[in-house]
C-alpha atoms as a PDB file:
ATOM      1  CA  MET A   1      28.610-218.406 171.836  1.00  0.00           C
ATOM      2  CA  THR A   2      31.897-218.452 173.623  1.00  0.00           C
ATOM      3  CA  ARG A   3      31.835-219.261 177.384  1.00  0.00           C
ATOM      4  CA  ILE A   4      32.656-215.840 179.294  1.00  0.00           C
ATOM      5  CA  THR A   5      34.916-216.492 182.344  1.00  0.00           C
ATOM      6  CA  THR A   6      36.379-213.694 185.214  1.00  0.00           C
ATOM      7  CA  LYS A   7      39.231-213.904 187.531  1.00  0.00           C
ATOM      8  CA  PHE A   8      36.696-214.916 189.984  1.00  0.00           C
ATOM      9  CA  ASN A   9      35.904-218.035 191.469  1.00  0.00           C
ATOM     10  CA  ALA A  10      33.556-219.937 193.875  1.00  0.00           C
ATOM     11  CA  THR A  11      35.273-218.634 197.017  1.00  0.00           C
ATOM     12  CA  THR A  12      35.407-214.873 195.794  1.00  0.00           C
ATOM     13  CA  THR A  13      33.109-212.591 197.986  1.00  0.00           C
ATOM     14  CA  ALA A  14      30.932-209.937 196.597  1.00  0.00           C
ATOM     15  CA  ASP A  15      33.276-207.426 198.280  1.00  0.00           C
ATOM     16  CA  GLU A  16      35.850-208.744 196.250  1.00  0.00           C
ATOM     17  CA  VAL A  17      33.948-208.640 192.967  1.00  0.00           C
ATOM     18  CA  ILE A  18      33.172-204.860 193.677  1.00  0.00           C
ATOM     19  CA  ALA A  19      36.540-203.881 194.935  1.00  0.00           C
ATOM     20  CA  GLY A  20      37.715-200.745 192.470  1.00  0.00           C
ATOM     21  CA  VAL A  21      34.118-200.373 191.188  1.00  0.00           C
ATOM     22  CA  ASP A  22      32.598-196.944 191.064  1.00  0.00           C
ATOM     23  CA  LEU A  23      28.827-196.568 190.911  1.00  0.00           C
ATOM     24  CA  SER A  24      28.402-193.214 192.269  1.00  0.00           C
ATOM     25  CA  GLY A  25      25.224-192.049 190.226  1.00  0.00           C
ATOM     26  CA  LYS A  26      23.926-195.210 189.695  1.00  0.00           C
ATOM     27  CA  HIS A  27      20.453-196.817 191.060  1.00  0.00           C
ATOM     28  CA  ALA A  28      19.741-199.993 192.291  1.00  0.00           C
ATOM     29  CA  ILE A  29      16.690-202.127 193.460  1.00  0.00           C
ATOM     30  CA  VAL A  30      17.269-205.167 195.368  1.00  0.00           C
ATOM     31  CA  THR A  31      14.254-207.380 196.095  1.00  0.00           C
ATOM     32  CA  GLY A  32      14.370-209.474 199.064  1.00  0.00           C
ATOM     33  CA  GLY A  33      17.201-207.547 200.245  1.00  0.00           C
ATOM     34  CA  ALA A  34      16.705-207.795 203.760  1.00  0.00           C
ATOM     35  CA  SER A  35      17.636-211.515 204.408  1.00  0.00           C
ATOM     36  CA  GLY A  36      20.283-214.197 203.244  1.00  0.00           C
ATOM     37  CA  ILE A  37      22.326-213.140 199.980  1.00  0.00           C
ATOM     38  CA  GLY A  38      20.086-210.027 199.268  1.00  0.00           C
ATOM     39  CA  VAL A  39      21.674-208.070 202.167  1.00  0.00           C
ATOM     40  CA  GLU A  40      25.216-208.949 201.401  1.00  0.00           C
ATOM     41  CA  THR A  41      24.393-207.805 197.658  1.00  0.00           C
ATOM     42  CA  ALA A  42      22.750-204.733 198.834  1.00  0.00           C
ATOM     43  CA  ARG A  43      25.471-203.807 201.282  1.00  0.00           C
ATOM     44  CA  SER A  44      28.046-204.498 198.355  1.00  0.00           C
ATOM     45  CA  LEU A  45      26.204-202.277 195.920  1.00  0.00           C
ATOM     46  CA  ALA A  46      25.735-199.668 198.548  1.00  0.00           C
ATOM     47  CA  ARG A  47      29.488-199.847 199.360  1.00  0.00           C
ATOM     48  CA  ALA A  48      30.629-199.042 195.725  1.00  0.00           C
ATOM     49  CA  GLY A  49      28.220-196.072 195.977  1.00  0.00           C
ATOM     50  CA  ALA A  50      25.315-197.096 194.599  1.00  0.00           C
ATOM     51  CA  GLU A  51      21.908-195.529 195.966  1.00  0.00           C
ATOM     52  CA  VAL A  52      20.291-198.553 196.553  1.00  0.00           C
ATOM     53  CA  THR A  53      16.424-199.513 197.506  1.00  0.00           C
ATOM     54  CA  ILE A  54      15.444-202.666 199.131  1.00  0.00           C
ATOM     55  CA  ALA A  55      12.474-203.893 198.258  1.00  0.00           C
ATOM     56  CA  VAL A  56      10.784-206.207 200.725  1.00  0.00           C
ATOM     57  CA  ARG A  57       7.515-207.252 202.451  1.00  0.00           C
ATOM     58  CA  ASN A  58       8.517-206.915 205.872  1.00  0.00           C
ATOM     59  CA  LEU A  59       9.342-202.891 205.800  1.00  0.00           C
ATOM     60  CA  ASP A  60      10.560-203.035 209.353  1.00  0.00           C
ATOM     61  CA  ALA A  61      13.287-205.926 208.679  1.00  0.00           C
ATOM     62  CA  GLY A  62      14.131-203.745 205.488  1.00  0.00           C
ATOM     63  CA  VAL A  63      14.743-200.490 207.747  1.00  0.00           C
ATOM     64  CA  GLU A  64      16.622-202.334 210.032  1.00  0.00           C
ATOM     65  CA  VAL A  65      19.005-203.700 207.347  1.00  0.00           C
ATOM     66  CA  ALA A  66      18.784-200.732 205.563  1.00  0.00           C
ATOM     67  CA  ARG A  67      20.285-198.925 209.021  1.00  0.00           C
ATOM     68  CA  ASP A  68      23.336-201.513 209.288  1.00  0.00           C
ATOM     69  CA  ILE A  69      24.276-201.195 205.466  1.00  0.00           C
ATOM     70  CA  MET A  70      24.377-197.533 206.244  1.00  0.00           C
ATOM     71  CA  ASP A  71      26.333-197.730 209.395  1.00  0.00           C
ATOM     72  CA  SER A  72      28.600-200.452 207.733  1.00  0.00           C
ATOM     73  CA  THR A  73      29.548-198.640 204.480  1.00  0.00           C
ATOM     74  CA  GLY A  74      28.847-195.046 205.221  1.00  0.00           C
ATOM     75  CA  ASN A  75      26.675-194.683 202.454  1.00  0.00           C
ATOM     76  CA  PRO A  76      23.289-192.949 203.534  1.00  0.00           C
ATOM     77  CA  ALA A  77      21.802-193.574 200.104  1.00  0.00           C
ATOM     78  CA  VAL A  78      20.044-196.950 201.039  1.00  0.00           C
ATOM     79  CA  TYR A  79      16.192-196.838 200.863  1.00  0.00           C
ATOM     80  CA  VAL A  80      13.041-199.418 201.807  1.00  0.00           C
ATOM     81  CA  ALA A  81      10.162-199.854 199.849  1.00  0.00           C
ATOM     82  CA  ALA A  82       7.544-202.030 199.910  1.00  0.00           C
ATOM     83  CA  LEU A  83       7.018-204.898 197.507  1.00  0.00           C
ATOM     84  CA  ASP A  84       5.001-208.192 197.788  1.00  0.00           C
ATOM     85  CA  LEU A  85       5.519-210.151 194.853  1.00  0.00           C
ATOM     86  CA  LEU A  86       2.132-211.995 195.352  1.00  0.00           C
ATOM     87  CA  ASP A  87       0.191-208.931 195.032  1.00  0.00           C
ATOM     88  CA  LEU A  88       0.005-207.469 191.760  1.00  0.00           C
ATOM     89  CA  GLY A  89      -1.528-204.252 193.020  1.00  0.00           C
ATOM     90  CA  SER A  90       1.622-203.882 195.301  1.00  0.00           C
ATOM     91  CA  VAL A  91       4.172-205.041 192.522  1.00  0.00           C
ATOM     92  CA  ASN A  92       2.507-202.345 190.304  1.00  0.00           C
ATOM     93  CA  ALA A  93       2.391-199.911 192.731  1.00  0.00           C
ATOM     94  CA  PHE A  94       6.043-200.083 193.210  1.00  0.00           C
ATOM     95  CA  ALA A  95       6.632-199.832 189.725  1.00  0.00           C
ATOM     96  CA  VAL A  96       4.526-196.576 189.083  1.00  0.00           C
ATOM     97  CA  SER A  97       6.365-195.153 192.296  1.00  0.00           C
ATOM     98  CA  TRP A  98       9.833-195.406 190.431  1.00  0.00           C
ATOM     99  CA  THR A  99      10.384-192.141 188.613  1.00  0.00           C
ATOM    100  CA  VAL A 100      14.314-191.972 188.321  1.00  0.00           C
ATOM    101  CA  PRO A 101      16.593-194.276 185.754  1.00  0.00           C
ATOM    102  CA  LEU A 102      17.246-197.540 187.219  1.00  0.00           C
ATOM    103  CA  ASP A 103      20.748-199.192 186.369  1.00  0.00           C
ATOM    104  CA  LEU A 104      20.876-202.348 188.104  1.00  0.00           C
ATOM    105  CA  LEU A 105      17.390-204.560 188.936  1.00  0.00           C
ATOM    106  CA  ILE A 106      18.317-207.426 191.272  1.00  0.00           C
ATOM    107  CA  ASN A 107      15.493-209.842 191.561  1.00  0.00           C
ATOM    108  CA  ASN A 108      16.633-211.795 194.156  1.00  0.00           C
ATOM    109  CA  ALA A 109      13.440-212.473 196.009  1.00  0.00           C
ATOM    110  CA  GLY A 110      12.340-215.799 196.345  1.00  0.00           C
ATOM    111  CA  VAL A 111      10.707-218.883 198.291  1.00  0.00           C
ATOM    112  CA  MET A 112      12.048-222.744 197.847  1.00  0.00           C
ATOM    113  CA  ALA A 113      10.368-226.186 198.373  1.00  0.00           C
ATOM    114  CA  ILE A 114       7.104-225.001 199.651  1.00  0.00           C
ATOM    115  CA  PRO A 115       5.857-228.653 201.019  1.00  0.00           C
ATOM    116  CA  GLU A 116       2.051-228.510 200.289  1.00  0.00           C
ATOM    117  CA  LEU A 117       0.561-227.216 197.012  1.00  0.00           C
ATOM    118  CA  ARG A 118      -0.480-223.536 197.916  1.00  0.00           C
ATOM    119  CA  ARG A 119      -2.206-221.550 194.971  1.00  0.00           C
ATOM    120  CA  THR A 120      -2.441-217.528 195.225  1.00  0.00           C
ATOM    121  CA  SER A 121      -6.149-216.067 194.697  1.00  0.00           C
ATOM    122  CA  ASN A 122      -5.562-216.002 190.803  1.00  0.00           C
ATOM    123  CA  GLY A 123      -5.191-219.800 190.917  1.00  0.00           C
ATOM    124  CA  TRP A 124      -1.281-219.920 190.141  1.00  0.00           C
ATOM    125  CA  GLU A 125       0.992-222.075 191.940  1.00  0.00           C
ATOM    126  CA  GLU A 126       2.871-219.997 194.409  1.00  0.00           C
ATOM    127  CA  GLN A 127       6.613-220.649 193.774  1.00  0.00           C
ATOM    128  CA  PHE A 128       5.777-220.186 190.308  1.00  0.00           C
ATOM    129  CA  ALA A 129       4.058-217.109 191.483  1.00  0.00           C
ATOM    130  CA  THR A 130       6.511-215.511 193.883  1.00  0.00           C
ATOM    131  CA  ASN A 131       9.962-216.570 191.709  1.00  0.00           C
ATOM    132  CA  HIS A 132       8.600-215.958 188.519  1.00  0.00           C
ATOM    133  CA  LEU A 133       5.800-214.168 187.819  1.00  0.00           C
ATOM    134  CA  GLY A 134       5.966-211.545 190.497  1.00  0.00           C
ATOM    135  CA  HIS A 135       9.375-210.689 189.238  1.00  0.00           C
ATOM    136  CA  PHE A 136       8.191-210.828 185.733  1.00  0.00           C
ATOM    137  CA  ALA A 137       5.167-208.285 186.291  1.00  0.00           C
ATOM    138  CA  LEU A 138       7.932-206.079 188.192  1.00  0.00           C
ATOM    139  CA  THR A 139      10.372-205.885 185.570  1.00  0.00           C
ATOM    140  CA  LEU A 140       7.791-205.190 182.585  1.00  0.00           C
ATOM    141  CA  GLY A 141       6.864-202.246 185.058  1.00  0.00           C
ATOM    142  CA  LEU A 142      10.212-200.913 185.383  1.00  0.00           C
ATOM    143  CA  HIS A 143      11.118-201.164 181.776  1.00  0.00           C
ATOM    144  CA  ASP A 144      11.032-197.488 181.132  1.00  0.00           C
ATOM    145  CA  ALA A 145      13.486-196.715 184.118  1.00  0.00           C
ATOM    146  CA  LEU A 146      15.442-199.273 183.002  1.00  0.00           C
ATOM    147  CA  ALA A 147      15.854-198.123 179.292  1.00  0.00           C
ATOM    148  CA  SER A 148      16.426-194.727 180.478  1.00  0.00           C
ATOM    149  CA  PRO A 149      20.090-194.935 181.190  1.00  0.00           C
ATOM    150  CA  GLY A 150      20.874-196.521 177.802  1.00  0.00           C
ATOM    151  CA  LYS A 151      22.674-199.200 179.337  1.00  0.00           C
ATOM    152  CA  ALA A 152      21.093-201.562 182.662  1.00  0.00           C
ATOM    153  CA  ARG A 153      21.089-204.786 183.549  1.00  0.00           C
ATOM    154  CA  ILE A 154      19.265-207.094 185.002  1.00  0.00           C
ATOM    155  CA  VAL A 155      20.189-210.015 187.568  1.00  0.00           C
ATOM    156  CA  SER A 156      17.683-212.874 187.899  1.00  0.00           C
ATOM    157  CA  LEU A 157      18.211-215.285 190.768  1.00  0.00           C
ATOM    158  CA  SER A 158      18.254-218.769 189.509  1.00  0.00           C
ATOM    159  CA  SER A 159      19.354-222.076 190.873  1.00  0.00           C
ATOM    160  CA  SER A 160      20.886-225.551 190.262  1.00  0.00           C
ATOM    161  CA  GLY A 161      17.401-226.314 191.488  1.00  0.00           C
ATOM    162  CA  HIS A 162      16.706-225.860 187.625  1.00  0.00           C
ATOM    163  CA  LEU A 163      17.462-228.846 186.817  1.00  0.00           C
ATOM    164  CA  ALA A 164      14.848-230.738 188.425  1.00  0.00           C
ATOM    165  CA  SER A 165      12.367-229.480 185.746  1.00  0.00           C
ATOM    166  CA  PRO A 166      11.895-227.361 182.743  1.00  0.00           C
ATOM    167  CA  VAL A 167       8.801-225.510 182.480  1.00  0.00           C
ATOM    168  CA  VAL A 168       5.901-227.700 182.127  1.00  0.00           C
ATOM    169  CA  PHE A 169       3.700-225.313 179.805  1.00  0.00           C
ATOM    170  CA  ASP A 170       0.203-227.698 179.711  1.00  0.00           C
ATOM    171  CA  ASP A 171       0.604-227.832 183.640  1.00  0.00           C
ATOM    172  CA  ILE A 172       2.321-224.845 185.082  1.00  0.00           C
ATOM    173  CA  ASN A 173      -0.143-224.672 188.013  1.00  0.00           C
ATOM    174  CA  PHE A 174      -0.200-228.445 188.841  1.00  0.00           C
ATOM    175  CA  GLU A 175      -3.797-228.821 188.215  1.00  0.00           C
ATOM    176  CA  ARG A 176      -3.363-232.329 186.171  1.00  0.00           C
ATOM    177  CA  ARG A 177      -0.238-233.733 187.902  1.00  0.00           C
ATOM    178  CA  ALA A 178       0.892-234.658 191.528  1.00  0.00           C
ATOM    179  CA  TYR A 179       2.369-231.789 193.459  1.00  0.00           C
ATOM    180  CA  ASP A 180       6.381-232.222 193.781  1.00  0.00           C
ATOM    181  CA  PRO A 181       7.913-229.204 195.769  1.00  0.00           C
ATOM    182  CA  TRP A 182      11.068-229.509 194.309  1.00  0.00           C
ATOM    183  CA  ALA A 183       9.703-230.156 190.652  1.00  0.00           C
ATOM    184  CA  ALA A 184       7.384-226.831 191.256  1.00  0.00           C
ATOM    185  CA  TYR A 185      11.084-225.147 192.768  1.00  0.00           C
ATOM    186  CA  GLY A 186      12.746-226.401 189.705  1.00  0.00           C
ATOM    187  CA  GLN A 187      10.196-225.050 187.078  1.00  0.00           C
ATOM    188  CA  SER A 188      10.385-221.580 188.860  1.00  0.00           C
ATOM    189  CA  LYS A 189      13.993-221.421 188.809  1.00  0.00           C
ATOM    190  CA  THR A 190      14.118-222.474 184.714  1.00  0.00           C
ATOM    191  CA  ALA A 191      11.546-219.732 184.105  1.00  0.00           C
ATOM    192  CA  ASN A 192      14.343-217.359 185.744  1.00  0.00           C
ATOM    193  CA  ALA A 193      16.887-218.299 183.397  1.00  0.00           C
ATOM    194  CA  LEU A 194      14.086-218.134 180.629  1.00  0.00           C
ATOM    195  CA  PHE A 195      13.314-215.028 181.575  1.00  0.00           C
ATOM    196  CA  ALA A 196      16.576-213.529 181.335  1.00  0.00           C
ATOM    197  CA  VAL A 197      17.119-215.371 177.685  1.00  0.00           C
ATOM    198  CA  GLU A 198      13.849-213.562 176.378  1.00  0.00           C
ATOM    199  CA  SER A 199      14.286-209.940 178.239  1.00  0.00           C
ATOM    200  CA  THR A 200      17.663-209.659 176.417  1.00  0.00           C
ATOM    201  CA  ARG A 201      16.379-210.476 173.174  1.00  0.00           C
ATOM    202  CA  ARG A 202      13.476-208.128 173.257  1.00  0.00           C
ATOM    203  CA  TRP A 203      15.121-205.424 175.328  1.00  0.00           C
ATOM    204  CA  SER A 204      18.819-205.464 174.065  1.00  0.00           C
ATOM    205  CA  GLY A 205      18.329-202.653 171.703  1.00  0.00           C
ATOM    206  CA  ASP A 206      16.959-200.472 174.330  1.00  0.00           C
ATOM    207  CA  GLY A 207      20.288-201.053 176.280  1.00  0.00           C
ATOM    208  CA  ILE A 208      18.913-203.679 178.641  1.00  0.00           C
ATOM    209  CA  PHE A 209      20.715-206.834 179.501  1.00  0.00           C
ATOM    210  CA  ALA A 210      19.489-209.873 181.780  1.00  0.00           C
ATOM    211  CA  ASN A 211      21.136-212.806 183.107  1.00  0.00           C
ATOM    212  CA  SER A 212      20.539-215.139 185.375  1.00  0.00           C
ATOM    213  CA  VAL A 213      22.813-216.566 188.162  1.00  0.00           C
ATOM    214  CA  MET A 214      23.131-219.931 190.412  1.00  0.00           C
ATOM    215  CA  PRO A 215      24.369-218.405 193.862  1.00  0.00           C
ATOM    216  CA  GLY A 216      25.666-221.487 195.198  1.00  0.00           C
ATOM    217  CA  GLY A 217      24.512-223.648 198.510  1.00  0.00           C
ATOM    218  CA  ILE A 218      24.116-221.041 201.307  1.00  0.00           C
ATOM    219  CA  GLU A 219      22.277-221.735 204.354  1.00  0.00           C
ATOM    220  CA  THR A 220      19.409-218.787 204.640  1.00  0.00           C
ATOM    221  CA  ASN A 221      16.011-218.300 205.567  1.00  0.00           C
ATOM    222  CA  LEU A 222      15.210-219.596 201.949  1.00  0.00           C
ATOM    223  CA  GLY A 223      15.918-223.182 202.932  1.00  0.00           C
ATOM    224  CA  ARG A 224      12.679-222.645 205.898  1.00  0.00           C
ATOM    225  CA  HIS A 225      10.643-225.026 204.190  1.00  0.00           C
ATOM    226  CA  ALA A 226      13.220-227.941 204.231  1.00  0.00           C
ATOM    227  CA  SER A 227      13.284-230.415 207.086  1.00  0.00           C
ATOM    228  CA  GLN A 228      15.971-230.690 209.485  1.00  0.00           C
ATOM    229  CA  GLU A 229      17.535-234.130 207.812  1.00  0.00           C
ATOM    230  CA  GLN A 230      17.922-232.155 204.305  1.00  0.00           C
ATOM    231  CA  ILE A 231      19.384-228.898 205.843  1.00  0.00           C
ATOM    232  CA  GLU A 232      22.370-231.148 207.513  1.00  0.00           C
ATOM    233  CA  GLN A 233      22.657-233.055 204.254  1.00  0.00           C
ATOM    234  CA  TRP A 234      22.940-229.607 202.842  1.00  0.00           C
ATOM    235  CA  LYS A 235      25.530-228.499 205.072  1.00  0.00           C
ATOM    236  CA  ALA A 236      27.686-231.528 204.606  1.00  0.00           C
ATOM    237  CA  LEU A 237      27.930-230.774 200.775  1.00  0.00           C
ATOM    238  CA  PRO A 238      31.370-229.891 199.524  1.00  0.00           C
ATOM    239  CA  GLY A 239      31.156-225.971 198.209  1.00  0.00           C
ATOM    240  CA  MET A 240      28.791-224.722 200.896  1.00  0.00           C
ATOM    241  CA  LYS A 241      29.198-220.921 200.579  1.00  0.00           C
ATOM    242  CA  THR A 242      28.883-217.779 203.054  1.00  0.00           C
ATOM    243  CA  THR A 243      26.347-215.095 202.406  1.00  0.00           C
ATOM    244  CA  GLN A 244      29.047-213.071 201.190  1.00  0.00           C
ATOM    245  CA  GLN A 245      30.347-215.467 198.767  1.00  0.00           C
ATOM    246  CA  GLY A 246      26.842-216.434 197.639  1.00  0.00           C
ATOM    247  CA  ALA A 247      26.494-212.631 196.606  1.00  0.00           C
ATOM    248  CA  SER A 248      29.360-212.588 194.460  1.00  0.00           C
ATOM    249  CA  THR A 249      28.108-214.223 191.400  1.00  0.00           C
ATOM    250  CA  THR A 250      24.949-211.850 191.574  1.00  0.00           C
ATOM    251  CA  LEU A 251      27.900-208.929 191.501  1.00  0.00           C
ATOM    252  CA  VAL A 252      29.645-210.424 188.829  1.00  0.00           C
ATOM    253  CA  ALA A 253      26.430-210.303 186.822  1.00  0.00           C
ATOM    254  CA  ALA A 254      25.567-206.705 187.690  1.00  0.00           C
ATOM    255  CA  VAL A 255      29.076-205.151 187.389  1.00  0.00           C
ATOM    256  CA  ALA A 256      31.803-207.112 186.069  1.00  0.00           C
ATOM    257  CA  PRO A 257      33.283-205.858 182.519  1.00  0.00           C
ATOM    258  CA  GLU A 258      33.211-209.178 180.856  1.00  0.00           C
ATOM    259  CA  PHE A 259      29.213-209.157 181.350  1.00  0.00           C
ATOM    260  CA  GLU A 260      28.943-205.472 179.647  1.00  0.00           C
ATOM    261  CA  GLY A 261      26.494-205.517 176.942  1.00  0.00           C
ATOM    262  CA  ILE A 262      26.060-209.401 177.416  1.00  0.00           C
ATOM    263  CA  GLY A 263      22.669-211.232 178.426  1.00  0.00           C
ATOM    264  CA  GLY A 264      20.817-214.502 178.269  1.00  0.00           C
ATOM    265  CA  ARG A 265      23.822-216.057 180.040  1.00  0.00           C
ATOM    266  CA  TYR A 266      23.670-218.409 183.228  1.00  0.00           C
ATOM    267  CA  LEU A 267      26.317-217.917 185.892  1.00  0.00           C
ATOM    268  CA  GLU A 268      27.619-220.056 188.731  1.00  0.00           C
ATOM    269  CA  ASP A 269      30.982-219.447 190.861  1.00  0.00           C
ATOM    270  CA  ALA A 270      31.239-216.096 189.571  1.00  0.00           C
ATOM    271  CA  ASN A 271      31.566-217.353 185.838  1.00  0.00           C
ATOM    272  CA  GLU A 272      29.251-218.219 182.992  1.00  0.00           C
ATOM    273  CA  ALA A 273      28.193-222.081 183.267  1.00  0.00           C
ATOM    274  CA  GLN A 274      28.852-225.011 181.296  1.00  0.00           C
ATOM    275  CA  ILE A 275      26.025-226.331 179.179  1.00  0.00           C
ATOM    276  CA  ILE A 276      24.854-229.702 180.085  1.00  0.00           C
ATOM    277  CA  ALA A 277      22.280-231.864 178.116  1.00  0.00           C
ATOM    278  CA  ASN A 278      18.551-232.081 178.928  1.00  0.00           C
ATOM    279  CA  ASP A 279      19.287-236.020 179.652  1.00  0.00           C
ATOM    280  CA  ALA A 280      22.607-235.729 181.468  1.00  0.00           C
ATOM    281  CA  LYS A 281      22.639-236.748 184.987  1.00  0.00           C
ATOM    282  CA  PRO A 282      22.947-233.685 187.273  1.00  0.00           C
ATOM    283  CA  GLY A 283      26.150-233.051 189.178  1.00  0.00           C
ATOM    284  CA  ALA A 284      27.073-232.059 192.741  1.00  0.00           C
ATOM    285  CA  LEU A 285      24.295-229.240 194.056  1.00  0.00           C
ATOM    286  CA  THR A 286      26.897-226.679 194.499  1.00  0.00           C
ATOM    287  CA  VAL A 287      29.932-227.398 192.446  1.00  0.00           C
ATOM    288  CA  GLY A 288      30.037-227.375 188.519  1.00  0.00           C
ATOM    289  CA  ALA A 289      26.109-228.210 188.268  1.00  0.00           C
ATOM    290  CA  GLY A 290      26.016-226.501 185.252  1.00  0.00           C
ATOM    291  CA  VAL A 291      22.898-225.376 183.024  1.00  0.00           C
ATOM    292  CA  ARG A 292      20.382-227.243 181.318  1.00  0.00           C
ATOM    293  CA  GLU A 293      19.515-226.454 177.907  1.00  0.00           C
ATOM    294  CA  TRP A 294      15.819-226.331 178.545  1.00  0.00           C
ATOM    295  CA  ALA A 295      17.135-223.211 180.922  1.00  0.00           C
ATOM    296  CA  LEU A 296      18.292-221.523 177.751  1.00  0.00           C
ATOM    297  CA  ASP A 297      16.240-222.477 174.998  1.00  0.00           C
ATOM    298  CA  PRO A 298      14.947-219.377 173.014  1.00  0.00           C
ATOM    299  CA  ALA A 299      11.679-220.896 171.946  1.00  0.00           C
ATOM    300  CA  ALA A 300      10.897-222.245 175.327  1.00  0.00           C
ATOM    301  CA  ALA A 301      11.621-218.415 176.568  1.00  0.00           C
ATOM    302  CA  GLU A 302       9.540-216.892 173.818  1.00  0.00           C
ATOM    303  CA  GLN A 303       6.680-219.007 175.062  1.00  0.00           C
ATOM    304  CA  LEU A 304       7.301-218.124 178.727  1.00  0.00           C
ATOM    305  CA  TRP A 305       7.308-214.520 177.935  1.00  0.00           C
ATOM    306  CA  GLU A 306       3.564-215.006 175.912  1.00  0.00           C
ATOM    307  CA  VAL A 307       2.210-217.028 178.255  1.00  0.00           C
ATOM    308  CA  SER A 308       3.308-215.064 181.543  1.00  0.00           C
ATOM    309  CA  LEU A 309       1.535-212.067 179.488  1.00  0.00           C
ATOM    310  CA  ALA A 310      -1.537-214.155 179.264  1.00  0.00           C
ATOM    311  CA  MET A 311      -1.360-214.803 182.893  1.00  0.00           C
ATOM    312  CA  LEU A 312      -1.015-211.515 183.918  1.00  0.00           C
ATOM    313  CA  ALA A 313      -3.648-210.317 181.803  1.00  0.00           C
ATOM    314  CA  ASP A 314      -6.199-212.625 182.964  1.00  0.00           C
ATOM    315  CA  ALA A 315      -5.470-212.154 186.805  1.00  0.00           C
ATOM    316  CA  ARG A 316      -5.930-208.352 186.099  1.00  0.00           C
ATOM    317  CA  THR A 317      -9.262-208.865 184.159  1.00  0.00           C
ATOM    318  CA  HIS A 318     -10.812-210.968 187.419  1.00  0.00           C
END
């Protein structure tokens, strides 16, 4: 495959990507749209005229952000809906309640490096459950809405954290290996990229294409589980971004013409990333880190899809 590049780069803002783009009449969902880069993603989509639904756990925070976006963009079509990615009932209720065509699904919400092993009521490791399984169930539930426009895009928020681990299929939930917060986070972010690969393979005939993105290093609430020492180390890294810059790669995947009818790619710094070998030494966290082969492997992507379906089915029967 030829690597796709754009006129944008690491310093581009989301508003610069959206400039001149008309999304009037388009419907978009941004999960986790009440904090961090989710806010700026929703704001830029609204500025381009889209009808935007912010899907959040904290409805009060969502309402406050929605008001701010409406005030700053002049777009009154910014809505808030309840969504708890760890609660399949909440996920299903959201999907069932969605009754209009869906042009853009931005799977943005997530957690990072939870220091201690946490399991959901289903026994799932919490980072994998939040970052991957919740979004997987949501997207499955929204398939028909995504297929309705004839062309729709999904953006799956991955991370350079995927460099830390593939999906460990024989012990996804850390039942037999020692828990490591960064390995768990890395596994979930690899899953986000693999989801884009397999959903495109399965659904491109329905006009649905998915890509994954690495937003970059941004100081947001996502880092709330990190130590102060880790936060200071991150701040000192070259290439740290503002939230507007962090949202830019999401917007490239969502609206750039270069990615029209293209899926299964991993983007960073507003361009498709370089593929690096699984055994290569990782590059800098935020600059040119690249994407591991394991995060784009078609066989692993298909296996993850089937395993995820089985996990959801098991949860619904217990």
